[in-house]
Amino acid sequence: MSNKKEQTKRKILKTALREIDENGYEKLSLRKLATNCNLTTGAFYRNFANKNALFVSLMLELSTSLTEIISQKSNGNYTPREKLLLLGENVFKLFNTKNNLVNFLFFNPVAQSIYTQDRGLQDSFPLLKSVHKLIDDIISQESLGLDSDETFIKVWAFLQGYMLLVRNGVTKFNTALLADTLSSLLTKKGI
């Protein structure tokens, strides 16, 4: 990819993330985004075929950034179980400060379709891959006898549901509740 095309693509992504952060993904207009990037609509579509393609790129960007932030905070001698809890806590902390971006990452229509895909596609997103790996490590190291994909669905569903409850003001985030729920989801099969 040419340097100019890459710069244009980066500008679109940066501007789109700013607009999502300020107004939410639901209000993102491709025409307005192109205008804010000083591009014609045609020039925009030479970089992204459609809104879904833009959303995938934005999700990759956010997923990578969030995973880097979390891994920096968890540099230390943590068990996989502690790392999973730390990841959950940090997602909720980010949710408090960057609500629209986390809302976009977890709940936009493209994200929902990715969660239904096979693990290979999910693993192309660093945050999903990290959660999968931590669950795999916990199951393996603690000989839990759990199905990794099924356990991932339970953990991810809990995180999303809890996030929706917090977002809608039904409850406030509670680290102890997060820890207890993750612990109950990651208990040896048959117990």
N, C-alpha and C. Protein backbone atom coordinates (compact mmCIF):
# COMPACT_ATOMS: atom_id res chain seq x y z
N MET A 1 0.84 -1.17 0.00
CA MET A 1 0.00 0.00 0.00
C MET A 1 0.89 1.24 0.00
N SER A 2 0.51 2.21 -0.82
CA SER A 2 1.32 3.42 -0.91
C SER A 2 1.24 4.20 0.40
N ASN A 3 2.27 5.00 0.62
CA ASN A 3 2.34 5.79 1.85
C ASN A 3 1.17 6.77 1.95
N LYS A 4 0.80 7.40 0.82
CA LYS A 4 -0.31 8.37 0.82
C LYS A 4 -1.63 7.67 1.14
N LYS A 5 -1.84 6.51 0.54
CA LYS A 5 -3.07 5.76 0.80
C LYS A 5 -3.12 5.33 2.27
N GLU A 6 -1.99 4.88 2.82
CA GLU A 6 -1.93 4.49 4.23
C GLU A 6 -2.21 5.69 5.13
N GLN A 7 -1.67 6.86 4.80
CA GLN A 7 -1.92 8.06 5.60
C GLN A 7 -3.40 8.43 5.57
N THR A 8 -4.01 8.31 4.39
CA THR A 8 -5.44 8.61 4.26
C THR A 8 -6.26 7.65 5.10
N LYS A 9 -5.92 6.38 5.03
CA LYS A 9 -6.62 5.37 5.81
C LYS A 9 -6.49 5.65 7.31
N ARG A 10 -5.29 5.98 7.77
CA ARG A 10 -5.06 6.30 9.18
C ARG A 10 -5.87 7.53 9.60
N LYS A 11 -5.93 8.52 8.71
CA LYS A 11 -6.71 9.74 9.01
C LYS A 11 -8.20 9.40 9.16
N ILE A 12 -8.71 8.55 8.28
CA ILE A 12 -10.11 8.14 8.35
C ILE A 12 -10.37 7.41 9.67
N LEU A 13 -9.50 6.46 10.02
CA LEU A 13 -9.67 5.71 11.26
C LEU A 13 -9.62 6.62 12.49
N LYS A 14 -8.64 7.52 12.52
CA LYS A 14 -8.50 8.44 13.65
C LYS A 14 -9.72 9.33 13.79
N THR A 15 -10.19 9.86 12.67
CA THR A 15 -11.36 10.74 12.69
C THR A 15 -12.61 9.97 13.08
N ALA A 16 -12.76 8.77 12.55
CA ALA A 16 -13.93 7.94 12.89
C ALA A 16 -13.94 7.61 14.38
N LEU A 17 -12.78 7.24 14.93
CA LEU A 17 -12.71 6.94 16.36
C LEU A 17 -13.07 8.16 17.20
N ARG A 18 -12.61 9.32 16.79
CA ARG A 18 -12.93 10.55 17.51
C ARG A 18 -14.44 10.81 17.46
N GLU A 19 -15.03 10.64 16.28
CA GLU A 19 -16.47 10.88 16.13
C GLU A 19 -17.30 9.87 16.92
N ILE A 20 -16.86 8.61 16.93
CA ILE A 20 -17.56 7.59 17.72
C ILE A 20 -17.42 7.90 19.20
N ASP A 21 -16.24 8.31 19.63
CA ASP A 21 -16.00 8.65 21.03
C ASP A 21 -16.92 9.80 21.46
N GLU A 22 -17.08 10.78 20.58
CA GLU A 22 -17.89 11.95 20.92
C GLU A 22 -19.39 11.70 20.82
N ASN A 23 -19.83 10.95 19.80
CA ASN A 23 -21.27 10.86 19.50
C ASN A 23 -21.85 9.46 19.48
N GLY A 24 -21.02 8.43 19.58
CA GLY A 24 -21.50 7.06 19.48
C GLY A 24 -21.48 6.57 18.04
N TYR A 25 -21.37 5.27 17.87
CA TYR A 25 -21.27 4.70 16.53
C TYR A 25 -22.58 4.81 15.76
N GLU A 26 -23.70 4.88 16.48
CA GLU A 26 -24.99 4.93 15.81
C GLU A 26 -25.15 6.20 14.97
N LYS A 27 -24.47 7.26 15.35
CA LYS A 27 -24.59 8.54 14.66
C LYS A 27 -23.49 8.77 13.63
N LEU A 28 -22.62 7.77 13.42
CA LEU A 28 -21.52 7.93 12.47
C LEU A 28 -22.07 7.93 11.04
N SER A 29 -21.84 9.03 10.36
CA SER A 29 -22.26 9.17 8.96
C SER A 29 -21.01 9.11 8.08
N LEU A 30 -21.02 8.20 7.11
CA LEU A 30 -19.85 8.09 6.22
C LEU A 30 -19.66 9.35 5.40
N ARG A 31 -20.73 9.96 4.98
CA ARG A 31 -20.63 11.20 4.20
C ARG A 31 -20.00 12.30 5.04
N LYS A 32 -20.45 12.45 6.29
CA LYS A 32 -19.88 13.46 7.18
C LYS A 32 -18.43 13.12 7.51
N LEU A 33 -18.15 11.83 7.72
CA LEU A 33 -16.79 11.40 8.01
C LEU A 33 -15.86 11.75 6.84
N ALA A 34 -16.30 11.49 5.62
CA ALA A 34 -15.49 11.82 4.44
C ALA A 34 -15.24 13.32 4.39
N THR A 35 -16.27 14.11 4.64
CA THR A 35 -16.13 15.57 4.64
C THR A 35 -15.14 16.02 5.71
N ASN A 36 -15.25 15.46 6.89
CA ASN A 36 -14.34 15.83 7.99
C ASN A 36 -12.89 15.42 7.72
N CYS A 37 -12.70 14.46 6.82
CA CYS A 37 -11.35 14.05 6.42
C CYS A 37 -10.89 14.74 5.14
N ASN A 38 -11.69 15.70 4.66
CA ASN A 38 -11.41 16.41 3.41
C ASN A 38 -11.31 15.46 2.23
N LEU A 39 -12.23 14.48 2.19
CA LEU A 39 -12.26 13.50 1.11
C LEU A 39 -13.61 13.54 0.42
N THR A 40 -13.61 13.17 -0.82
CA THR A 40 -14.87 12.95 -1.51
C THR A 40 -15.40 11.59 -1.06
N THR A 41 -16.67 11.36 -1.29
CA THR A 41 -17.25 10.06 -0.95
C THR A 41 -16.54 8.95 -1.72
N GLY A 42 -16.24 9.22 -2.99
CA GLY A 42 -15.53 8.23 -3.80
C GLY A 42 -14.16 7.91 -3.24
N ALA A 43 -13.44 8.94 -2.77
CA ALA A 43 -12.11 8.72 -2.20
C ALA A 43 -12.22 7.89 -0.91
N PHE A 44 -13.27 8.14 -0.15
CA PHE A 44 -13.49 7.34 1.05
C PHE A 44 -13.65 5.86 0.68
N TYR A 45 -14.52 5.61 -0.32
CA TYR A 45 -14.81 4.22 -0.70
C TYR A 45 -13.64 3.52 -1.38
N ARG A 46 -12.64 4.26 -1.79
CA ARG A 46 -11.42 3.61 -2.30
C ARG A 46 -10.60 3.04 -1.14
N ASN A 47 -10.87 3.52 0.07
CA ASN A 47 -10.17 3.03 1.26
C ASN A 47 -10.97 1.98 2.03
N PHE A 48 -12.27 2.12 2.03
CA PHE A 48 -13.16 1.19 2.74
C PHE A 48 -14.37 0.93 1.85
N ALA A 49 -14.61 -0.33 1.57
CA ALA A 49 -15.69 -0.70 0.65
C ALA A 49 -17.06 -0.27 1.16
N ASN A 50 -17.23 -0.29 2.48
CA ASN A 50 -18.52 0.07 3.06
C ASN A 50 -18.33 0.31 4.56
N LYS A 51 -19.44 0.59 5.24
CA LYS A 51 -19.38 0.89 6.67
C LYS A 51 -18.91 -0.34 7.46
N ASN A 52 -19.31 -1.53 7.05
CA ASN A 52 -18.87 -2.74 7.75
C ASN A 52 -17.36 -2.90 7.69
N ALA A 53 -16.78 -2.63 6.52
CA ALA A 53 -15.32 -2.73 6.39
C ALA A 53 -14.62 -1.72 7.29
N LEU A 54 -15.18 -0.51 7.38
CA LEU A 54 -14.63 0.50 8.28
C LEU A 54 -14.75 0.02 9.72
N PHE A 55 -15.91 -0.53 10.08
CA PHE A 55 -16.12 -1.00 11.45
C PHE A 55 -15.13 -2.11 11.82
N VAL A 56 -14.87 -3.03 10.91
CA VAL A 56 -13.90 -4.09 11.19
C VAL A 56 -12.53 -3.49 11.47
N SER A 57 -12.11 -2.55 10.65
CA SER A 57 -10.80 -1.89 10.86
C SER A 57 -10.77 -1.14 12.18
N LEU A 58 -11.86 -0.45 12.51
CA LEU A 58 -11.93 0.28 13.77
C LEU A 58 -11.90 -0.68 14.97
N MET A 59 -12.59 -1.81 14.83
CA MET A 59 -12.59 -2.80 15.91
C MET A 59 -11.19 -3.38 16.12
N LEU A 60 -10.49 -3.64 15.02
CA LEU A 60 -9.12 -4.14 15.14
C LEU A 60 -8.24 -3.11 15.85
N GLU A 61 -8.41 -1.86 15.49
CA GLU A 61 -7.64 -0.77 16.10
C GLU A 61 -7.92 -0.69 17.60
N LEU A 62 -9.19 -0.67 17.96
CA LEU A 62 -9.56 -0.57 19.38
C LEU A 62 -9.16 -1.81 20.16
N SER A 63 -9.37 -2.97 19.57
CA SER A 63 -9.03 -4.22 20.22
C SER A 63 -7.54 -4.29 20.50
N THR A 64 -6.74 -3.87 19.55
CA THR A 64 -5.29 -3.84 19.72
C THR A 64 -4.89 -2.87 20.82
N SER A 65 -5.44 -1.65 20.79
CA SER A 65 -5.12 -0.64 21.80
C SER A 65 -5.51 -1.10 23.20
N LEU A 66 -6.71 -1.63 23.33
CA LEU A 66 -7.19 -2.07 24.63
C LEU A 66 -6.33 -3.22 25.16
N THR A 67 -5.99 -4.15 24.30
CA THR A 67 -5.16 -5.28 24.72
C THR A 67 -3.78 -4.80 25.16
N GLU A 68 -3.21 -3.83 24.45
CA GLU A 68 -1.89 -3.28 24.84
C GLU A 68 -1.97 -2.58 26.20
N ILE A 69 -3.02 -1.80 26.42
CA ILE A 69 -3.19 -1.11 27.70
C ILE A 69 -3.29 -2.12 28.83
N ILE A 70 -4.10 -3.14 28.62
CA ILE A 70 -4.31 -4.15 29.66
C ILE A 70 -3.04 -4.95 29.92
N SER A 71 -2.32 -5.29 28.85
CA SER A 71 -1.09 -6.08 29.07
C SER A 71 -0.03 -5.25 29.78
N GLN A 72 0.01 -3.93 29.55
CA GLN A 72 0.94 -3.07 30.28
C GLN A 72 0.60 -3.05 31.76
N LYS A 73 -0.70 -2.98 32.06
CA LYS A 73 -1.14 -2.95 33.46
C LYS A 73 -0.96 -4.29 34.15
N SER A 74 -0.94 -5.36 33.37
CA SER A 74 -0.83 -6.68 33.99
C SER A 74 0.58 -7.25 33.88
N ASN A 75 1.55 -6.38 33.58
CA ASN A 75 2.94 -6.84 33.59
C ASN A 75 3.30 -7.21 35.01
N GLY A 76 3.49 -8.44 35.20
CA GLY A 76 3.81 -8.92 36.54
C GLY A 76 3.57 -10.41 36.59
N ASN A 77 3.68 -10.93 37.76
CA ASN A 77 3.57 -12.37 37.94
C ASN A 77 2.14 -12.73 38.34
N TYR A 78 1.21 -12.65 37.38
CA TYR A 78 -0.19 -12.96 37.62
C TYR A 78 -0.52 -14.33 37.04
N THR A 79 -1.44 -15.02 37.70
CA THR A 79 -1.94 -16.27 37.15
C THR A 79 -2.92 -15.93 36.02
N PRO A 80 -3.22 -16.87 35.14
CA PRO A 80 -4.21 -16.60 34.09
C PRO A 80 -5.56 -16.14 34.66
N ARG A 81 -5.96 -16.71 35.77
CA ARG A 81 -7.22 -16.32 36.42
C ARG A 81 -7.17 -14.86 36.86
N GLU A 82 -6.04 -14.46 37.45
CA GLU A 82 -5.87 -13.06 37.88
C GLU A 82 -5.82 -12.12 36.68
N LYS A 83 -5.18 -12.57 35.60
CA LYS A 83 -5.12 -11.76 34.39
C LYS A 83 -6.51 -11.56 33.78
N LEU A 84 -7.33 -12.61 33.81
CA LEU A 84 -8.70 -12.48 33.27
C LEU A 84 -9.50 -11.49 34.10
N LEU A 85 -9.37 -11.55 35.41
CA LEU A 85 -10.06 -10.58 36.27
C LEU A 85 -9.54 -9.18 36.00
N LEU A 86 -8.24 -9.04 35.89
CA LEU A 86 -7.64 -7.73 35.61
C LEU A 86 -8.12 -7.19 34.26
N LEU A 87 -8.21 -8.06 33.28
CA LEU A 87 -8.72 -7.65 31.96
C LEU A 87 -10.15 -7.14 32.11
N GLY A 88 -10.99 -7.89 32.83
CA GLY A 88 -12.38 -7.46 33.04
C GLY A 88 -12.46 -6.12 33.75
N GLU A 89 -11.69 -5.96 34.81
CA GLU A 89 -11.67 -4.69 35.54
C GLU A 89 -11.27 -3.53 34.64
N ASN A 90 -10.24 -3.74 33.82
CA ASN A 90 -9.77 -2.67 32.96
C ASN A 90 -10.75 -2.34 31.84
N VAL A 91 -11.47 -3.33 31.35
CA VAL A 91 -12.51 -3.05 30.36
C VAL A 91 -13.57 -2.15 30.99
N PHE A 92 -13.96 -2.46 32.22
CA PHE A 92 -14.97 -1.63 32.89
C PHE A 92 -14.43 -0.23 33.22
N LYS A 93 -13.16 -0.13 33.59
CA LYS A 93 -12.57 1.20 33.82
C LYS A 93 -12.59 2.02 32.55
N LEU A 94 -12.21 1.39 31.44
CA LEU A 94 -12.23 2.09 30.16
C LEU A 94 -13.66 2.45 29.78
N PHE A 95 -14.59 1.57 30.09
CA PHE A 95 -16.00 1.81 29.81
C PHE A 95 -16.48 3.08 30.51
N ASN A 96 -15.97 3.33 31.73
CA ASN A 96 -16.35 4.55 32.47
C ASN A 96 -15.83 5.81 31.81
N THR A 97 -14.66 5.75 31.19
CA THR A 97 -14.06 6.95 30.62
C THR A 97 -14.30 7.08 29.12
N LYS A 98 -14.43 5.96 28.43
CA LYS A 98 -14.62 5.96 26.97
C LYS A 98 -15.84 5.10 26.61
N ASN A 99 -16.96 5.44 27.21
CA ASN A 99 -18.18 4.66 27.07
C ASN A 99 -18.54 4.37 25.63
N ASN A 100 -18.51 5.38 24.78
CA ASN A 100 -18.92 5.20 23.38
C ASN A 100 -17.98 4.27 22.62
N LEU A 101 -16.69 4.33 22.91
CA LEU A 101 -15.74 3.46 22.22
C LEU A 101 -15.90 2.01 22.65
N VAL A 102 -16.05 1.78 23.95
CA VAL A 102 -16.24 0.41 24.43
C VAL A 102 -17.60 -0.12 23.96
N ASN A 103 -18.60 0.73 23.99
CA ASN A 103 -19.92 0.36 23.48
C ASN A 103 -19.81 -0.07 22.01
N PHE A 104 -19.06 0.68 21.23
CA PHE A 104 -18.85 0.33 19.83
C PHE A 104 -18.14 -1.02 19.71
N LEU A 105 -17.07 -1.19 20.46
CA LEU A 105 -16.26 -2.41 20.36
C LEU A 105 -17.07 -3.66 20.71
N PHE A 106 -17.95 -3.56 21.70
CA PHE A 106 -18.69 -4.72 22.15
C PHE A 106 -20.05 -4.91 21.47
N PHE A 107 -20.69 -3.82 21.05
CA PHE A 107 -22.10 -3.94 20.69
C PHE A 107 -22.48 -3.49 19.28
N ASN A 108 -21.56 -3.04 18.45
CA ASN A 108 -21.96 -2.64 17.10
C ASN A 108 -22.37 -3.89 16.32
N PRO A 109 -23.19 -3.73 15.28
CA PRO A 109 -23.69 -4.91 14.54
C PRO A 109 -22.59 -5.79 13.95
N VAL A 110 -21.49 -5.21 13.53
CA VAL A 110 -20.40 -6.01 12.97
C VAL A 110 -19.77 -6.85 14.07
N ALA A 111 -19.60 -6.26 15.26
CA ALA A 111 -19.05 -7.01 16.40
C ALA A 111 -19.94 -8.21 16.70
N GLN A 112 -21.22 -7.98 16.72
CA GLN A 112 -22.15 -9.07 17.02
C GLN A 112 -21.99 -10.21 16.01
N SER A 113 -21.77 -9.88 14.75
CA SER A 113 -21.62 -10.94 13.75
C SER A 113 -20.29 -11.67 13.92
N ILE A 114 -19.25 -10.98 14.39
CA ILE A 114 -17.95 -11.62 14.60
C ILE A 114 -18.03 -12.60 15.76
N TYR A 115 -18.80 -12.27 16.79
CA TYR A 115 -18.92 -13.17 17.94
C TYR A 115 -19.57 -14.50 17.54
N THR A 116 -20.32 -14.51 16.44
CA THR A 116 -20.97 -15.75 16.01
C THR A 116 -20.09 -16.57 15.07
N GLN A 117 -18.95 -16.03 14.69
CA GLN A 117 -18.06 -16.72 13.76
C GLN A 117 -17.16 -17.72 14.50
N ASP A 118 -16.42 -18.47 13.70
CA ASP A 118 -15.52 -19.45 14.30
C ASP A 118 -14.37 -18.76 15.02
N ARG A 119 -13.70 -19.53 15.82
CA ARG A 119 -12.63 -19.00 16.66
C ARG A 119 -11.49 -18.40 15.83
N GLY A 120 -11.23 -18.96 14.65
CA GLY A 120 -10.16 -18.44 13.81
C GLY A 120 -10.36 -16.96 13.50
N LEU A 121 -11.58 -16.58 13.14
CA LEU A 121 -11.87 -15.16 12.87
C LEU A 121 -11.81 -14.36 14.16
N GLN A 122 -12.37 -14.89 15.23
CA GLN A 122 -12.34 -14.18 16.52
C GLN A 122 -10.90 -13.92 16.95
N ASP A 123 -10.02 -14.88 16.72
CA ASP A 123 -8.63 -14.73 17.14
C ASP A 123 -7.87 -13.68 16.36
N SER A 124 -8.45 -13.14 15.29
CA SER A 124 -7.79 -12.05 14.58
C SER A 124 -7.98 -10.72 15.32
N PHE A 125 -8.85 -10.72 16.34
CA PHE A 125 -9.05 -9.54 17.18
C PHE A 125 -8.34 -9.78 18.51
N PRO A 126 -7.31 -8.98 18.81
CA PRO A 126 -6.47 -9.24 19.98
C PRO A 126 -7.22 -9.39 21.30
N LEU A 127 -8.26 -8.61 21.54
CA LEU A 127 -8.97 -8.73 22.80
C LEU A 127 -9.66 -10.08 22.91
N LEU A 128 -10.35 -10.48 21.86
CA LEU A 128 -11.01 -11.80 21.87
C LEU A 128 -9.99 -12.92 22.01
N LYS A 129 -8.88 -12.78 21.29
CA LYS A 129 -7.83 -13.79 21.35
C LYS A 129 -7.26 -13.90 22.77
N SER A 130 -7.06 -12.76 23.43
CA SER A 130 -6.54 -12.76 24.80
C SER A 130 -7.49 -13.46 25.76
N VAL A 131 -8.78 -13.17 25.62
CA VAL A 131 -9.76 -13.81 26.50
C VAL A 131 -9.79 -15.31 26.25
N HIS A 132 -9.81 -15.71 24.96
CA HIS A 132 -9.76 -17.13 24.63
C HIS A 132 -8.53 -17.80 25.24
N LYS A 133 -7.37 -17.17 25.09
CA LYS A 133 -6.12 -17.77 25.59
C LYS A 133 -6.13 -17.89 27.10
N LEU A 134 -6.59 -16.85 27.78
CA LEU A 134 -6.64 -16.92 29.24
C LEU A 134 -7.57 -18.04 29.71
N ILE A 135 -8.71 -18.17 29.06
CA ILE A 135 -9.64 -19.24 29.42
C ILE A 135 -9.00 -20.60 29.15
N ASP A 136 -8.36 -20.74 27.99
CA ASP A 136 -7.66 -22.01 27.67
C ASP A 136 -6.61 -22.33 28.73
N ASP A 137 -5.83 -21.31 29.12
CA ASP A 137 -4.77 -21.52 30.12
C ASP A 137 -5.36 -21.92 31.47
N ILE A 138 -6.43 -21.27 31.88
CA ILE A 138 -7.06 -21.59 33.16
C ILE A 138 -7.57 -23.04 33.15
N ILE A 139 -8.28 -23.40 32.09
CA ILE A 139 -8.83 -24.75 31.98
C ILE A 139 -7.71 -25.79 31.99
N SER A 140 -6.65 -25.51 31.25
CA SER A 140 -5.55 -26.46 31.15
C SER A 140 -4.77 -26.57 32.46
N GLN A 141 -4.34 -25.43 33.01
CA GLN A 141 -3.50 -25.43 34.21
C GLN A 141 -4.23 -25.95 35.44
N GLU A 142 -5.55 -25.72 35.49
CA GLU A 142 -6.31 -26.14 36.67
C GLU A 142 -7.08 -27.44 36.42
N SER A 143 -6.86 -28.06 35.26
CA SER A 143 -7.52 -29.33 34.90
C SER A 143 -9.02 -29.28 35.20
N LEU A 144 -9.69 -28.28 34.62
CA LEU A 144 -11.10 -28.06 34.93
C LEU A 144 -12.05 -28.96 34.15
N GLY A 145 -11.60 -29.52 33.02
CA GLY A 145 -12.48 -30.38 32.24
C GLY A 145 -13.62 -29.64 31.58
N LEU A 146 -13.44 -28.36 31.32
CA LEU A 146 -14.48 -27.54 30.68
C LEU A 146 -14.21 -27.43 29.19
N ASP A 147 -15.26 -27.23 28.41
CA ASP A 147 -15.11 -26.95 27.00
C ASP A 147 -14.71 -25.48 26.85
N SER A 148 -13.61 -25.24 26.17
CA SER A 148 -13.06 -23.90 26.05
C SER A 148 -14.02 -22.94 25.35
N ASP A 149 -14.58 -23.35 24.22
CA ASP A 149 -15.47 -22.45 23.46
C ASP A 149 -16.75 -22.15 24.23
N GLU A 150 -17.30 -23.16 24.89
CA GLU A 150 -18.51 -22.96 25.68
C GLU A 150 -18.23 -22.02 26.86
N THR A 151 -17.10 -22.20 27.50
CA THR A 151 -16.72 -21.36 28.63
C THR A 151 -16.50 -19.92 28.17
N PHE A 152 -15.86 -19.76 26.99
CA PHE A 152 -15.68 -18.42 26.45
C PHE A 152 -17.04 -17.74 26.26
N ILE A 153 -18.00 -18.44 25.69
CA ILE A 153 -19.32 -17.86 25.46
C ILE A 153 -19.95 -17.42 26.78
N LYS A 154 -19.83 -18.24 27.80
CA LYS A 154 -20.39 -17.88 29.10
C LYS A 154 -19.72 -16.64 29.68
N VAL A 155 -18.39 -16.61 29.63
CA VAL A 155 -17.65 -15.46 30.17
C VAL A 155 -17.96 -14.21 29.37
N TRP A 156 -17.94 -14.31 28.05
CA TRP A 156 -18.18 -13.13 27.20
C TRP A 156 -19.61 -12.64 27.36
N ALA A 157 -20.57 -13.57 27.45
CA ALA A 157 -21.97 -13.19 27.63
C ALA A 157 -22.15 -12.47 28.97
N PHE A 158 -21.49 -12.97 30.01
CA PHE A 158 -21.56 -12.28 31.30
C PHE A 158 -21.00 -10.87 31.20
N LEU A 159 -19.80 -10.74 30.61
CA LEU A 159 -19.18 -9.41 30.50
C LEU A 159 -20.08 -8.45 29.73
N GLN A 160 -20.64 -8.91 28.61
CA GLN A 160 -21.52 -8.04 27.82
C GLN A 160 -22.79 -7.69 28.59
N GLY A 161 -23.40 -8.70 29.21
CA GLY A 161 -24.63 -8.44 29.95
C GLY A 161 -24.40 -7.50 31.12
N TYR A 162 -23.33 -7.73 31.86
CA TYR A 162 -23.00 -6.87 32.99
C TYR A 162 -22.73 -5.45 32.51
N MET A 163 -22.03 -5.34 31.39
CA MET A 163 -21.74 -4.02 30.84
C MET A 163 -23.04 -3.29 30.46
N LEU A 164 -24.00 -4.02 29.88
CA LEU A 164 -25.28 -3.40 29.53
C LEU A 164 -26.03 -2.92 30.78
N LEU A 165 -25.99 -3.72 31.83
CA LEU A 165 -26.65 -3.31 33.07
C LEU A 165 -26.00 -2.05 33.65
N VAL A 166 -24.68 -2.00 33.64
CA VAL A 166 -23.96 -0.82 34.12
C VAL A 166 -24.26 0.37 33.22
N ARG A 167 -24.20 0.15 31.91
CA ARG A 167 -24.44 1.24 30.96
C ARG A 167 -25.83 1.84 31.13
N ASN A 168 -26.82 0.98 31.40
CA ASN A 168 -28.20 1.45 31.51
C ASN A 168 -28.57 1.90 32.92
N GLY A 169 -27.58 1.96 33.82
CA GLY A 169 -27.82 2.48 35.16
C GLY A 169 -28.55 1.54 36.09
N VAL A 170 -28.66 0.27 35.72
CA VAL A 170 -29.35 -0.71 36.56
C VAL A 170 -28.50 -1.05 37.79
N THR A 171 -27.20 -1.06 37.61
CA THR A 171 -26.28 -1.37 38.71
C THR A 171 -24.97 -0.62 38.48
N LYS A 172 -24.13 -0.65 39.47
CA LYS A 172 -22.78 -0.07 39.35
C LYS A 172 -21.79 -1.22 39.28
N PHE A 173 -20.65 -0.96 38.67
CA PHE A 173 -19.62 -1.98 38.57
C PHE A 173 -19.11 -2.34 39.95
N ASN A 174 -18.91 -3.64 40.20
CA ASN A 174 -18.43 -4.13 41.47
C ASN A 174 -17.38 -5.21 41.18
N THR A 175 -16.15 -4.95 41.57
CA THR A 175 -15.06 -5.90 41.31
C THR A 175 -15.33 -7.26 41.96
N ALA A 176 -15.88 -7.26 43.16
CA ALA A 176 -16.14 -8.53 43.85
C ALA A 176 -17.16 -9.36 43.06
N LEU A 177 -18.19 -8.71 42.52
CA LEU A 177 -19.18 -9.43 41.71
C LEU A 177 -18.52 -10.01 40.46
N LEU A 178 -17.67 -9.22 39.81
CA LEU A 178 -16.94 -9.71 38.63
C LEU A 178 -16.09 -10.92 39.01
N ALA A 179 -15.35 -10.83 40.09
CA ALA A 179 -14.47 -11.92 40.51
C ALA A 179 -15.28 -13.17 40.87
N ASP A 180 -16.36 -13.00 41.62
CA ASP A 180 -17.19 -14.15 42.01
C ASP A 180 -17.82 -14.82 40.80
N THR A 181 -18.31 -14.03 39.87
CA THR A 181 -18.96 -14.61 38.69
C THR A 181 -17.95 -15.33 37.81
N LEU A 182 -16.79 -14.72 37.57
CA LEU A 182 -15.76 -15.39 36.78
C LEU A 182 -15.34 -16.69 37.47
N SER A 183 -15.22 -16.66 38.78
CA SER A 183 -14.85 -17.85 39.52
C SER A 183 -15.90 -18.95 39.36
N SER A 184 -17.18 -18.57 39.42
CA SER A 184 -18.22 -19.59 39.28
C SER A 184 -18.31 -20.14 37.86
N LEU A 185 -17.95 -19.33 36.87
CA LEU A 185 -17.95 -19.80 35.49
C LEU A 185 -16.74 -20.68 35.18
N LEU A 186 -15.71 -20.55 36.00
CA LEU A 186 -14.47 -21.30 35.78
C LEU A 186 -14.24 -22.29 36.92
N THR A 187 -15.24 -23.11 37.16
CA THR A 187 -15.19 -24.12 38.19
C THR A 187 -15.14 -25.50 37.55
N LYS A 188 -14.43 -26.39 38.17
CA LYS A 188 -14.27 -27.75 37.65
C LYS A 188 -15.62 -28.37 37.31
N LYS A 189 -15.68 -28.96 36.13
CA LYS A 189 -16.91 -29.58 35.66
C LYS A 189 -17.32 -30.69 36.61
N GLY A 190 -18.61 -30.73 36.91
CA GLY A 190 -19.12 -31.77 37.78
C GLY A 190 -19.19 -31.36 39.24
N ILE A 191 -18.73 -30.15 39.55
CA ILE A 191 -18.75 -29.71 40.95
C ILE A 191 -19.84 -28.67 41.11
